[in-house]
Full PDB file with SEQRES, HELIX, SHEET, SSBOND, CRYST1, ORIGX, SCALE, CONECT and MASTER records, all heavy atoms in Angstrom:
SEQRES   1 A   42  GLY ALA ASP TYR VAL PHE MET CYS ALA ALA ASN THR SER          
SEQRES   2 A   42  GLY ALA ALA VAL ILE GLU LYS THR PRO LEU VAL HIS VAL          
SEQRES   3 A   42  THR GLY ASN ILE ILE MET ASN SER LEU MET LEU GLU ALA          
SEQRES   4 A   42  ALA TYR GLU                                                  
HELIX    1 AA1 ALA A   15  LYS A   20  1                                   6    
HELIX    2 AA2 PRO A   22  HIS A   25  5                                   4    
HELIX    3 AA3 THR A   27  TYR A   41  1                                  15    
CRYST1    1.000    1.000    1.000  90.00  90.00  90.00 P 1           1          
ORIGX1      1.000000  0.000000  0.000000        0.00000                         
ORIGX2      0.000000  1.000000  0.000000        0.00000                         
ORIGX3      0.000000  0.000000  1.000000        0.00000                         
SCALE1      1.000000  0.000000  0.000000        0.00000                         
SCALE2      0.000000  1.000000  0.000000        0.00000                         
SCALE3      0.000000  0.000000  1.000000        0.00000                         
ATOM      1  N   GLY A   1      17.953   0.090  21.927  1.00  0.00           N  
ATOM      2  CA  GLY A   1      18.648  -0.163  23.174  1.00  0.00           C  
ATOM      3  C   GLY A   1      20.104  -0.591  23.036  1.00  0.00           C  
ATOM      4  O   GLY A   1      20.762  -0.897  24.042  1.00  0.00           O  
ATOM      5  N   ALA A   2      20.643  -0.635  21.816  1.00  0.00           N  
ATOM      6  CA  ALA A   2      21.981  -1.144  21.607  1.00  0.00           C  
ATOM      7  C   ALA A   2      23.050  -0.129  22.019  1.00  0.00           C  
ATOM      8  O   ALA A   2      22.908   1.062  21.792  1.00  0.00           O  
ATOM      9  CB  ALA A   2      22.195  -1.508  20.142  1.00  0.00           C  
ATOM     10  N   ASP A   3      24.120  -0.649  22.640  1.00  0.00           N  
ATOM     11  CA  ASP A   3      25.291   0.159  22.901  1.00  0.00           C  
ATOM     12  C   ASP A   3      26.204   0.211  21.678  1.00  0.00           C  
ATOM     13  O   ASP A   3      26.723   1.270  21.322  1.00  0.00           O  
ATOM     14  CB  ASP A   3      26.091  -0.392  24.087  1.00  0.00           C  
ATOM     15  CG  ASP A   3      25.315  -0.343  25.394  1.00  0.00           C  
ATOM     16  OD1 ASP A   3      24.795   0.738  25.702  1.00  0.00           O  
ATOM     17  OD2 ASP A   3      25.206  -1.377  26.079  1.00  0.00           O  
ATOM     18  N   TYR A   4      26.417  -0.956  21.072  1.00  0.00           N  
ATOM     19  CA  TYR A   4      27.289  -1.071  19.901  1.00  0.00           C  
ATOM     20  C   TYR A   4      26.536  -1.754  18.770  1.00  0.00           C  
ATOM     21  O   TYR A   4      25.796  -2.738  19.014  1.00  0.00           O  
ATOM     22  CB  TYR A   4      28.529  -1.903  20.224  1.00  0.00           C  
ATOM     23  CG  TYR A   4      29.444  -1.274  21.253  1.00  0.00           C  
ATOM     24  CD1 TYR A   4      29.297  -1.561  22.595  1.00  0.00           C  
ATOM     25  CD2 TYR A   4      30.461  -0.405  20.854  1.00  0.00           C  
ATOM     26  CE1 TYR A   4      30.142  -0.991  23.550  1.00  0.00           C  
ATOM     27  CE2 TYR A   4      31.305   0.156  21.799  1.00  0.00           C  
ATOM     28  CZ  TYR A   4      31.128  -0.126  23.143  1.00  0.00           C  
ATOM     29  OH  TYR A   4      31.970   0.437  24.081  1.00  0.00           O  
ATOM     30  N   VAL A   5      26.733  -1.285  17.562  1.00  0.00           N  
ATOM     31  CA  VAL A   5      26.156  -1.934  16.384  1.00  0.00           C  
ATOM     32  C   VAL A   5      27.284  -2.245  15.407  1.00  0.00           C  
ATOM     33  O   VAL A   5      28.032  -1.370  14.994  1.00  0.00           O  
ATOM     34  CB  VAL A   5      25.130  -1.012  15.688  1.00  0.00           C  
ATOM     35  CG1 VAL A   5      24.593  -1.689  14.417  1.00  0.00           C  
ATOM     36  CG2 VAL A   5      23.985  -0.664  16.638  1.00  0.00           C  
ATOM     37  N   PHE A   6      27.414  -3.539  15.074  1.00  0.00           N  
ATOM     38  CA  PHE A   6      28.424  -4.008  14.143  1.00  0.00           C  
ATOM     39  C   PHE A   6      27.737  -4.389  12.838  1.00  0.00           C  
ATOM     40  O   PHE A   6      26.978  -5.355  12.809  1.00  0.00           O  
ATOM     41  CB  PHE A   6      29.174  -5.225  14.711  1.00  0.00           C  
ATOM     42  CG  PHE A   6      30.025  -4.935  15.907  1.00  0.00           C  
ATOM     43  CD1 PHE A   6      29.453  -4.880  17.191  1.00  0.00           C  
ATOM     44  CD2 PHE A   6      31.377  -4.710  15.777  1.00  0.00           C  
ATOM     45  CE1 PHE A   6      30.260  -4.617  18.293  1.00  0.00           C  
ATOM     46  CE2 PHE A   6      32.172  -4.446  16.871  1.00  0.00           C  
ATOM     47  CZ  PHE A   6      31.613  -4.399  18.136  1.00  0.00           C  
ATOM     48  N   MET A   7      27.994  -3.655  11.795  1.00  0.00           N  
ATOM     49  CA  MET A   7      27.374  -3.909  10.495  1.00  0.00           C  
ATOM     50  C   MET A   7      28.225  -4.908   9.706  1.00  0.00           C  
ATOM     51  O   MET A   7      29.115  -4.530   8.931  1.00  0.00           O  
ATOM     52  CB  MET A   7      27.190  -2.604   9.714  1.00  0.00           C  
ATOM     53  CG  MET A   7      26.402  -2.776   8.415  1.00  0.00           C  
ATOM     54  SD  MET A   7      24.773  -3.498   8.703  1.00  0.00           S  
ATOM     55  CE  MET A   7      24.217  -3.772   7.024  1.00  0.00           C  
ATOM     56  N   CYS A   8      27.947  -6.204   9.927  1.00  0.00           N  
ATOM     57  CA  CYS A   8      28.677  -7.276   9.237  1.00  0.00           C  
ATOM     58  C   CYS A   8      27.867  -7.849   8.074  1.00  0.00           C  
ATOM     59  O   CYS A   8      28.402  -8.630   7.278  1.00  0.00           O  
ATOM     60  CB  CYS A   8      28.994  -8.410  10.204  1.00  0.00           C  
ATOM     61  SG  CYS A   8      29.954  -7.902  11.638  1.00  0.00           S  
ATOM     62  N   ALA A   9      26.604  -7.500   7.984  1.00  0.00           N  
ATOM     63  CA  ALA A   9      25.744  -8.064   6.941  1.00  0.00           C  
ATOM     64  C   ALA A   9      26.121  -7.460   5.582  1.00  0.00           C  
ATOM     65  O   ALA A   9      26.313  -6.268   5.461  1.00  0.00           O  
ATOM     66  CB  ALA A   9      24.286  -7.780   7.232  1.00  0.00           C  
ATOM     67  N   ALA A  10      26.203  -8.314   4.565  1.00  0.00           N  
ATOM     68  CA  ALA A  10      26.482  -7.866   3.213  1.00  0.00           C  
ATOM     69  C   ALA A  10      26.215  -8.983   2.240  1.00  0.00           C  
ATOM     70  O   ALA A  10      26.345 -10.157   2.586  1.00  0.00           O  
ATOM     71  CB  ALA A  10      27.928  -7.391   3.075  1.00  0.00           C  
ATOM     72  N   ASN A  11      25.875  -8.610   1.027  1.00  0.00           N  
ATOM     73  CA  ASN A  11      25.771  -9.590  -0.049  1.00  0.00           C  
ATOM     74  C   ASN A  11      27.165  -9.692  -0.672  1.00  0.00           C  
ATOM     75  O   ASN A  11      27.622  -8.777  -1.327  1.00  0.00           O  
ATOM     76  CB  ASN A  11      24.746  -9.117  -1.083  1.00  0.00           C  
ATOM     77  CG  ASN A  11      24.502 -10.165  -2.164  1.00  0.00           C  
ATOM     78  OD1 ASN A  11      25.265 -11.105  -2.321  1.00  0.00           O  
ATOM     79  ND2 ASN A  11      23.448  -9.963  -2.925  1.00  0.00           N  
ATOM     80  N   THR A  12      27.848 -10.814  -0.422  1.00  0.00           N  
ATOM     81  CA  THR A  12      29.229 -10.987  -0.920  1.00  0.00           C  
ATOM     82  C   THR A  12      29.293 -12.241  -1.790  1.00  0.00           C  
ATOM     83  O   THR A  12      28.418 -13.104  -1.728  1.00  0.00           O  
ATOM     84  CB  THR A  12      30.218 -11.116   0.237  1.00  0.00           C  
ATOM     85  OG1 THR A  12      29.897 -12.301   1.014  1.00  0.00           O  
ATOM     86  CG2 THR A  12      30.160  -9.908   1.150  1.00  0.00           C  
ATOM     87  N   SER A  13      30.378 -12.336  -2.555  1.00  0.00           N  
ATOM     88  CA  SER A  13      30.540 -13.521  -3.425  1.00  0.00           C  
ATOM     89  C   SER A  13      31.941 -13.560  -3.967  1.00  0.00           C  
ATOM     90  O   SER A  13      32.744 -12.633  -3.758  1.00  0.00           O  
ATOM     91  CB  SER A  13      29.531 -13.483  -4.566  1.00  0.00           C  
ATOM     92  OG  SER A  13      29.725 -12.316  -5.328  1.00  0.00           O  
ATOM     93  N   GLY A  14      32.263 -14.629  -4.693  1.00  0.00           N  
ATOM     94  CA  GLY A  14      33.559 -14.800  -5.296  1.00  0.00           C  
ATOM     95  C   GLY A  14      33.612 -14.250  -6.717  1.00  0.00           C  
ATOM     96  O   GLY A  14      32.701 -13.578  -7.190  1.00  0.00           O  
ATOM     97  N   ALA A  15      34.733 -14.576  -7.388  1.00  0.00           N  
ATOM     98  CA  ALA A  15      35.006 -14.020  -8.709  1.00  0.00           C  
ATOM     99  C   ALA A  15      33.941 -14.370  -9.744  1.00  0.00           C  
ATOM    100  O   ALA A  15      33.590 -13.537 -10.591  1.00  0.00           O  
ATOM    101  CB  ALA A  15      36.374 -14.490  -9.182  1.00  0.00           C  
ATOM    102  N   ALA A  16      33.431 -15.592  -9.689  1.00  0.00           N  
ATOM    103  CA  ALA A  16      32.479 -16.030 -10.713  1.00  0.00           C  
ATOM    104  C   ALA A  16      31.203 -15.223 -10.664  1.00  0.00           C  
ATOM    105  O   ALA A  16      30.674 -14.792 -11.707  1.00  0.00           O  
ATOM    106  CB  ALA A  16      32.164 -17.513 -10.529  1.00  0.00           C  
ATOM    107  N   VAL A  17      30.676 -14.987  -9.461  1.00  0.00           N  
ATOM    108  CA  VAL A  17      29.440 -14.218  -9.332  1.00  0.00           C  
ATOM    109  C   VAL A  17      29.671 -12.763  -9.709  1.00  0.00           C  
ATOM    110  O   VAL A  17      28.847 -12.142 -10.388  1.00  0.00           O  
ATOM    111  CB  VAL A  17      28.885 -14.327  -7.889  1.00  0.00           C  
ATOM    112  CG1 VAL A  17      27.675 -13.418  -7.707  1.00  0.00           C  
ATOM    113  CG2 VAL A  17      28.506 -15.773  -7.581  1.00  0.00           C  
ATOM    114  N   ILE A  18      30.788 -12.182  -9.262  1.00  0.00           N  
ATOM    115  CA  ILE A  18      31.091 -10.807  -9.615  1.00  0.00           C  
ATOM    116  C   ILE A  18      31.192 -10.637 -11.128  1.00  0.00           C  
ATOM    117  O   ILE A  18      30.736  -9.649 -11.703  1.00  0.00           O  
ATOM    118  CB  ILE A  18      32.406 -10.366  -8.932  1.00  0.00           C  
ATOM    119  CG1 ILE A  18      32.197 -10.281  -7.419  1.00  0.00           C  
ATOM    120  CG2 ILE A  18      32.862  -9.022  -9.473  1.00  0.00           C  
ATOM    121  CD1 ILE A  18      33.464  -9.961  -6.650  1.00  0.00           C  
ATOM    122  N   GLU A  19      31.780 -11.628 -11.788  1.00  0.00           N  
ATOM    123  CA  GLU A  19      31.947 -11.579 -13.245  1.00  0.00           C  
ATOM    124  C   GLU A  19      30.600 -11.629 -13.957  1.00  0.00           C  
ATOM    125  O   GLU A  19      30.353 -10.881 -14.911  1.00  0.00           O  
ATOM    126  CB  GLU A  19      32.822 -12.761 -13.679  1.00  0.00           C  
ATOM    127  CG  GLU A  19      33.171 -12.737 -15.151  1.00  0.00           C  
ATOM    128  CD  GLU A  19      34.538 -12.135 -15.423  1.00  0.00           C  
ATOM    129  OE1 GLU A  19      35.196 -11.661 -14.495  1.00  0.00           O  
ATOM    130  OE2 GLU A  19      34.924 -12.120 -16.584  1.00  0.00           O  
ATOM    131  N   LYS A  20      29.705 -12.495 -13.485  1.00  0.00           N  
ATOM    132  CA  LYS A  20      28.467 -12.751 -14.184  1.00  0.00           C  
ATOM    133  C   LYS A  20      27.353 -11.777 -13.801  1.00  0.00           C  
ATOM    134  O   LYS A  20      26.575 -11.344 -14.641  1.00  0.00           O  
ATOM    135  CB  LYS A  20      27.996 -14.183 -13.946  1.00  0.00           C  
ATOM    136  CG  LYS A  20      28.892 -15.256 -14.540  1.00  0.00           C  
ATOM    137  CD  LYS A  20      28.395 -16.641 -14.206  1.00  0.00           C  
ATOM    138  CE  LYS A  20      29.313 -17.728 -14.766  1.00  0.00           C  
ATOM    139  NZ  LYS A  20      28.857 -19.095 -14.369  1.00  0.00           N  
ATOM    140  N   THR A  21      27.272 -11.447 -12.524  1.00  0.00           N  
ATOM    141  CA  THR A  21      26.164 -10.602 -12.047  1.00  0.00           C  
ATOM    142  C   THR A  21      26.710  -9.527 -11.103  1.00  0.00           C  
ATOM    143  O   THR A  21      26.421  -9.538  -9.899  1.00  0.00           O  
ATOM    144  CB  THR A  21      25.110 -11.445 -11.315  1.00  0.00           C  
ATOM    145  OG1 THR A  21      25.744 -12.195 -10.248  1.00  0.00           O  
ATOM    146  CG2 THR A  21      24.441 -12.412 -12.258  1.00  0.00           C  
ATOM    147  N   PRO A  22      27.474  -8.566 -11.595  1.00  0.00           N  
ATOM    148  CA  PRO A  22      28.113  -7.568 -10.730  1.00  0.00           C  
ATOM    149  C   PRO A  22      27.142  -6.697  -9.968  1.00  0.00           C  
ATOM    150  O   PRO A  22      27.439  -6.200  -8.865  1.00  0.00           O  
ATOM    151  CB  PRO A  22      28.948  -6.743 -11.700  1.00  0.00           C  
ATOM    152  CG  PRO A  22      28.306  -6.936 -13.045  1.00  0.00           C  
ATOM    153  CD  PRO A  22      27.802  -8.341 -13.034  1.00  0.00           C  
ATOM    154  N   LEU A  23      25.939  -6.497 -10.497  1.00  0.00           N  
ATOM    155  CA  LEU A  23      24.971  -5.615  -9.835  1.00  0.00           C  
ATOM    156  C   LEU A  23      24.358  -6.236  -8.565  1.00  0.00           C  
ATOM    157  O   LEU A  23      23.698  -5.532  -7.816  1.00  0.00           O  
ATOM    158  CB  LEU A  23      23.849  -5.236 -10.815  1.00  0.00           C  
ATOM    159  CG  LEU A  23      24.267  -4.343 -11.978  1.00  0.00           C  
ATOM    160  CD1 LEU A  23      23.098  -4.090 -12.895  1.00  0.00           C  
ATOM    161  CD2 LEU A  23      24.842  -3.016 -11.462  1.00  0.00           C  
ATOM    162  N   VAL A  24      24.607  -7.521  -8.350  1.00  0.00           N  
ATOM    163  CA  VAL A  24      24.038  -8.184  -7.169  1.00  0.00           C  
ATOM    164  C   VAL A  24      24.537  -7.549  -5.880  1.00  0.00           C  
ATOM    165  O   VAL A  24      23.905  -7.654  -4.846  1.00  0.00           O  
ATOM    166  CB  VAL A  24      24.335  -9.694  -7.200  1.00  0.00           C  
ATOM    167  CG1 VAL A  24      25.810  -9.973  -6.902  1.00  0.00           C  
ATOM    168  CG2 VAL A  24      23.441 -10.465  -6.245  1.00  0.00           C  
ATOM    169  N   HIS A  25      25.666  -6.862  -5.953  1.00  0.00           N  
ATOM    170  CA  HIS A  25      26.239  -6.261  -4.744  1.00  0.00           C  
ATOM    171  C   HIS A  25      25.827  -4.830  -4.481  1.00  0.00           C  
ATOM    172  O   HIS A  25      26.251  -4.231  -3.488  1.00  0.00           O  
ATOM    173  CB  HIS A  25      27.770  -6.298  -4.837  1.00  0.00           C  
ATOM    174  CG  HIS A  25      28.364  -7.663  -4.838  1.00  0.00           C  
ATOM    175  ND1 HIS A  25      29.346  -8.059  -5.687  1.00  0.00           N  
ATOM    176  CD2 HIS A  25      28.067  -8.744  -4.076  1.00  0.00           C  
ATOM    177  CE1 HIS A  25      29.643  -9.317  -5.461  1.00  0.00           C  
ATOM    178  NE2 HIS A  25      28.899  -9.748  -4.493  1.00  0.00           N  
ATOM    179  N   VAL A  26      24.967  -4.276  -5.351  1.00  0.00           N  
ATOM    180  CA  VAL A  26      24.739  -2.844  -5.257  1.00  0.00           C  
ATOM    181  C   VAL A  26      23.510  -2.495  -4.431  1.00  0.00           C  
ATOM    182  O   VAL A  26      23.611  -2.018  -3.299  1.00  0.00           O  
ATOM    183  CB  VAL A  26      24.648  -2.200  -6.674  1.00  0.00           C  
ATOM    184  CG1 VAL A  26      24.340  -0.728  -6.579  1.00  0.00           C  
ATOM    185  CG2 VAL A  26      25.951  -2.433  -7.439  1.00  0.00           C  
ATOM    186  N   THR A  27      22.313  -2.687  -4.986  1.00  0.00           N  
ATOM    187  CA  THR A  27      21.099  -2.133  -4.391  1.00  0.00           C  
ATOM    188  C   THR A  27      20.850  -2.604  -2.970  1.00  0.00           C  
ATOM    189  O   THR A  27      20.653  -1.787  -2.056  1.00  0.00           O  
ATOM    190  CB  THR A  27      19.889  -2.425  -5.279  1.00  0.00           C  
ATOM    191  OG1 THR A  27      20.133  -1.972  -6.604  1.00  0.00           O  
ATOM    192  CG2 THR A  27      18.643  -1.786  -4.715  1.00  0.00           C  
ATOM    193  N   GLY A  28      20.839  -3.915  -2.774  1.00  0.00           N  
ATOM    194  CA  GLY A  28      20.530  -4.442  -1.447  1.00  0.00           C  
ATOM    195  C   GLY A  28      21.501  -3.982  -0.383  1.00  0.00           C  
ATOM    196  O   GLY A  28      21.095  -3.609   0.731  1.00  0.00           O  
ATOM    197  N   ASN A  29      22.792  -3.941  -0.721  1.00  0.00           N  
ATOM    198  CA  ASN A  29      23.786  -3.516   0.260  1.00  0.00           C  
ATOM    199  C   ASN A  29      23.633  -2.042   0.617  1.00  0.00           C  
ATOM    200  O   ASN A  29      23.746  -1.645   1.787  1.00  0.00           O  
ATOM    201  CB  ASN A  29      25.196  -3.763  -0.270  1.00  0.00           C  
ATOM    202  CG  ASN A  29      25.589  -5.235  -0.165  1.00  0.00           C  
ATOM    203  OD1 ASN A  29      25.160  -5.946   0.735  1.00  0.00           O  
ATOM    204  ND2 ASN A  29      26.413  -5.683  -1.087  1.00  0.00           N  
ATOM    205  N   ILE A  30      23.388  -1.200  -0.393  1.00  0.00           N  
ATOM    206  CA  ILE A  30      23.213   0.237  -0.103  1.00  0.00           C  
ATOM    207  C   ILE A  30      21.998   0.465   0.786  1.00  0.00           C  
ATOM    208  O   ILE A  30      22.038   1.251   1.727  1.00  0.00           O  
ATOM    209  CB  ILE A  30      23.088   1.027  -1.425  1.00  0.00           C  
ATOM    210  CG1 ILE A  30      24.454   1.107  -2.118  1.00  0.00           C  
ATOM    211  CG2 ILE A  30      22.552   2.438  -1.154  1.00  0.00           C  
ATOM    212  CD1 ILE A  30      24.434   1.794  -3.461  1.00  0.00           C  
ATOM    213  N   ILE A  31      20.899  -0.235   0.499  1.00  0.00           N  
ATOM    214  CA  ILE A  31      19.686  -0.093   1.326  1.00  0.00           C  
ATOM    215  C   ILE A  31      19.976  -0.535   2.754  1.00  0.00           C  
ATOM    216  O   ILE A  31      19.627   0.175   3.718  1.00  0.00           O  
ATOM    217  CB  ILE A  31      18.527  -0.885   0.706  1.00  0.00           C  
ATOM    218  CG1 ILE A  31      18.101  -0.258  -0.619  1.00  0.00           C  
ATOM    219  CG2 ILE A  31      17.351  -0.942   1.676  1.00  0.00           C  
ATOM    220  CD1 ILE A  31      17.081  -1.074  -1.380  1.00  0.00           C  
ATOM    221  N   MET A  32      20.601  -1.699   2.916  1.00  0.00           N  
ATOM    222  CA  MET A  32      20.895  -2.208   4.268  1.00  0.00           C  
ATOM    223  C   MET A  32      21.781  -1.233   5.056  1.00  0.00           C  
ATOM    224  O   MET A  32      21.496  -0.907   6.200  1.00  0.00           O  
ATOM    225  CB  MET A  32      21.581  -3.572   4.185  1.00  0.00           C  
ATOM    226  CG  MET A  32      20.685  -4.721   3.836  1.00  0.00           C  
ATOM    227  SD  MET A  32      21.464  -6.334   4.133  1.00  0.00           S  
ATOM    228  CE  MET A  32      22.719  -6.335   2.835  1.00  0.00           C  
ATOM    229  N   ASN A  33      22.839  -0.773   4.405  1.00  0.00           N  
ATOM    230  CA  ASN A  33      23.773   0.125   5.083  1.00  0.00           C  
ATOM    231  C   ASN A  33      23.088   1.421   5.488  1.00  0.00           C  
ATOM    232  O   ASN A  33      23.286   1.928   6.609  1.00  0.00           O  
ATOM    233  CB  ASN A  33      24.978   0.394   4.209  1.00  0.00           C  
ATOM    234  CG  ASN A  33      25.786  -0.863   3.893  1.00  0.00           C  
ATOM    235  OD1 ASN A  33      25.732  -1.832   4.627  1.00  0.00           O  
ATOM    236  ND2 ASN A  33      26.532  -0.829   2.802  1.00  0.00           N  
ATOM    237  N   SER A  34      22.270   1.963   4.585  1.00  0.00           N  
ATOM    238  CA  SER A  34      21.585   3.229   4.875  1.00  0.00           C  
ATOM    239  C   SER A  34      20.609   3.077   6.020  1.00  0.00           C  
ATOM    240  O   SER A  34      20.579   3.911   6.949  1.00  0.00           O  
ATOM    241  CB  SER A  34      20.819   3.701   3.618  1.00  0.00           C  
ATOM    242  OG  SER A  34      21.672   3.844   2.514  1.00  0.00           O  
ATOM    243  N   LEU A  35      19.808   2.022   5.969  1.00  0.00           N  
ATOM    244  CA  LEU A  35      18.785   1.833   6.997  1.00  0.00           C  
ATOM    245  C   LEU A  35      19.378   1.519   8.371  1.00  0.00           C  
ATOM    246  O   LEU A  35      18.856   1.971   9.405  1.00  0.00           O  
ATOM    247  CB  LEU A  35      17.823   0.736   6.589  1.00  0.00           C  
ATOM    248  CG  LEU A  35      16.875   1.069   5.396  1.00  0.00           C  
ATOM    249  CD1 LEU A  35      16.045  -0.142   5.019  1.00  0.00           C  
ATOM    250  CD2 LEU A  35      16.000   2.264   5.738  1.00  0.00           C  
ATOM    251  N   MET A  36      20.469   0.752   8.387  1.00  0.00           N  
ATOM    252  CA  MET A  36      21.076   0.415   9.675  1.00  0.00           C  
ATOM    253  C   MET A  36      21.743   1.649  10.300  1.00  0.00           C  
ATOM    254  O   MET A  36      21.677   1.827  11.530  1.00  0.00           O  
ATOM    255  CB  MET A  36      22.086  -0.714   9.494  1.00  0.00           C  
ATOM    256  CG  MET A  36      21.443  -2.088   9.385  1.00  0.00           C  
ATOM    257  SD  MET A  36      20.534  -2.556  10.878  1.00  0.00           S  
ATOM    258  CE  MET A  36      21.895  -2.754  12.034  1.00  0.00           C  
ATOM    259  N   LEU A  37      22.389   2.461   9.493  1.00  0.00           N  
ATOM    260  CA  LEU A  37      22.922   3.713  10.033  1.00  0.00           C  
ATOM    261  C   LEU A  37      21.807   4.613  10.594  1.00  0.00           C  
ATOM    262  O   LEU A  37      21.933   5.158  11.708  1.00  0.00           O  
ATOM    263  CB  LEU A  37      23.675   4.468   8.927  1.00  0.00           C  
ATOM    264  CG  LEU A  37      25.124   4.034   8.678  1.00  0.00           C  
ATOM    265  CD1 LEU A  37      25.589   4.552   7.319  1.00  0.00           C  
ATOM    266  CD2 LEU A  37      26.040   4.562   9.782  1.00  0.00           C  
ATOM    267  N   GLU A  38      20.749   4.742   9.847  1.00  0.00           N  
ATOM    268  CA  GLU A  38      19.617   5.572  10.279  1.00  0.00           C  
ATOM    269  C   GLU A  38      19.016   5.026  11.593  1.00  0.00           C  
ATOM    270  O   GLU A  38      18.770   5.801  12.540  1.00  0.00           O  
ATOM    271  CB  GLU A  38      18.551   5.594   9.198  1.00  0.00           C  
ATOM    272  CG  GLU A  38      17.335   6.444   9.536  1.00  0.00           C  
ATOM    273  CD  GLU A  38      16.299   6.405   8.429  1.00  0.00           C  
ATOM    274  OE1 GLU A  38      15.769   5.317   8.144  1.00  0.00           O  
ATOM    275  OE2 GLU A  38      16.032   7.477   7.836  1.00  0.00           O  
ATOM    276  N   ALA A  39      18.827   3.723  11.654  1.00  0.00           N  
ATOM    277  CA  ALA A  39      18.211   3.129  12.847  1.00  0.00           C  
ATOM    278  C   ALA A  39      19.126   3.257  14.068  1.00  0.00           C  
ATOM    279  O   ALA A  39      18.660   3.573  15.168  1.00  0.00           O  
ATOM    280  CB  ALA A  39      17.902   1.652  12.578  1.00  0.00           C  
ATOM    281  N   ALA A  40      20.426   3.038  13.883  1.00  0.00           N  
ATOM    282  CA  ALA A  40      21.367   3.156  14.994  1.00  0.00           C  
ATOM    283  C   ALA A  40      21.427   4.583  15.499  1.00  0.00           C  
ATOM    284  O   ALA A  40      21.512   4.823  16.715  1.00  0.00           O  
ATOM    285  CB  ALA A  40      22.757   2.670  14.556  1.00  0.00           C  
ATOM    286  N   TYR A  41      21.368   5.537  14.584  1.00  0.00           N  
ATOM    287  CA  TYR A  41      21.400   6.951  14.982  1.00  0.00           C  
ATOM    288  C   TYR A  41      20.142   7.309  15.788  1.00  0.00           C  
ATOM    289  O   TYR A  41      20.229   7.948  16.843  1.00  0.00           O  
ATOM    290  CB  TYR A  41      21.511   7.832  13.755  1.00  0.00           C  
ATOM    291  CG  TYR A  41      21.531   9.304  14.053  1.00  0.00           C  
ATOM    292  CD1 TYR A  41      22.685   9.866  14.621  1.00  0.00           C  
ATOM    293  CD2 TYR A  41      20.422  10.105  13.818  1.00  0.00           C  
ATOM    294  CE1 TYR A  41      22.699  11.238  14.928  1.00  0.00           C  
ATOM    295  CE2 TYR A  41      20.445  11.461  14.131  1.00  0.00           C  
ATOM    296  CZ  TYR A  41      21.579  12.012  14.685  1.00  0.00           C  
ATOM    297  OH  TYR A  41      21.605  13.354  14.981  1.00  0.00           O  
ATOM    298  N   GLU A  42      18.991   6.867  15.290  1.00  0.00           N  
ATOM    299  CA  GLU A  42      17.741   7.148  15.991  1.00  0.00           C  
ATOM    300  C   GLU A  42      17.714   6.495  17.380  1.00  0.00           C  
ATOM    301  O   GLU A  42      17.132   7.043  18.331  1.00  0.00           O  
ATOM    302  CB  GLU A  42      16.545   6.648  15.169  1.00  0.00           C  
ATOM    303  CG  GLU A  42      16.303   7.465  13.899  1.00  0.00           C  
ATOM    304  CD  GLU A  42      15.175   6.906  13.062  1.00  0.00           C  
ATOM    305  OE1 GLU A  42      14.620   5.850  13.431  1.00  0.00           O  
ATOM    306  OE2 GLU A  42      14.842   7.511  12.018  1.00  0.00           O  
TER     307      GLU A  42                                                      
MASTER        0    0    0    3    0    0    0    6  306    1    0    4          
END                                                                             
């Protein structure tokens, strides 16, 4: 029933986390972005 969908959700962090665990930003974010686009389209 949404008119507008704002995708603000993301796994973000500062330099220390990016340096130590860079993959933390990959899988979860891609899944969220894909599913939200699909759901909004449907």
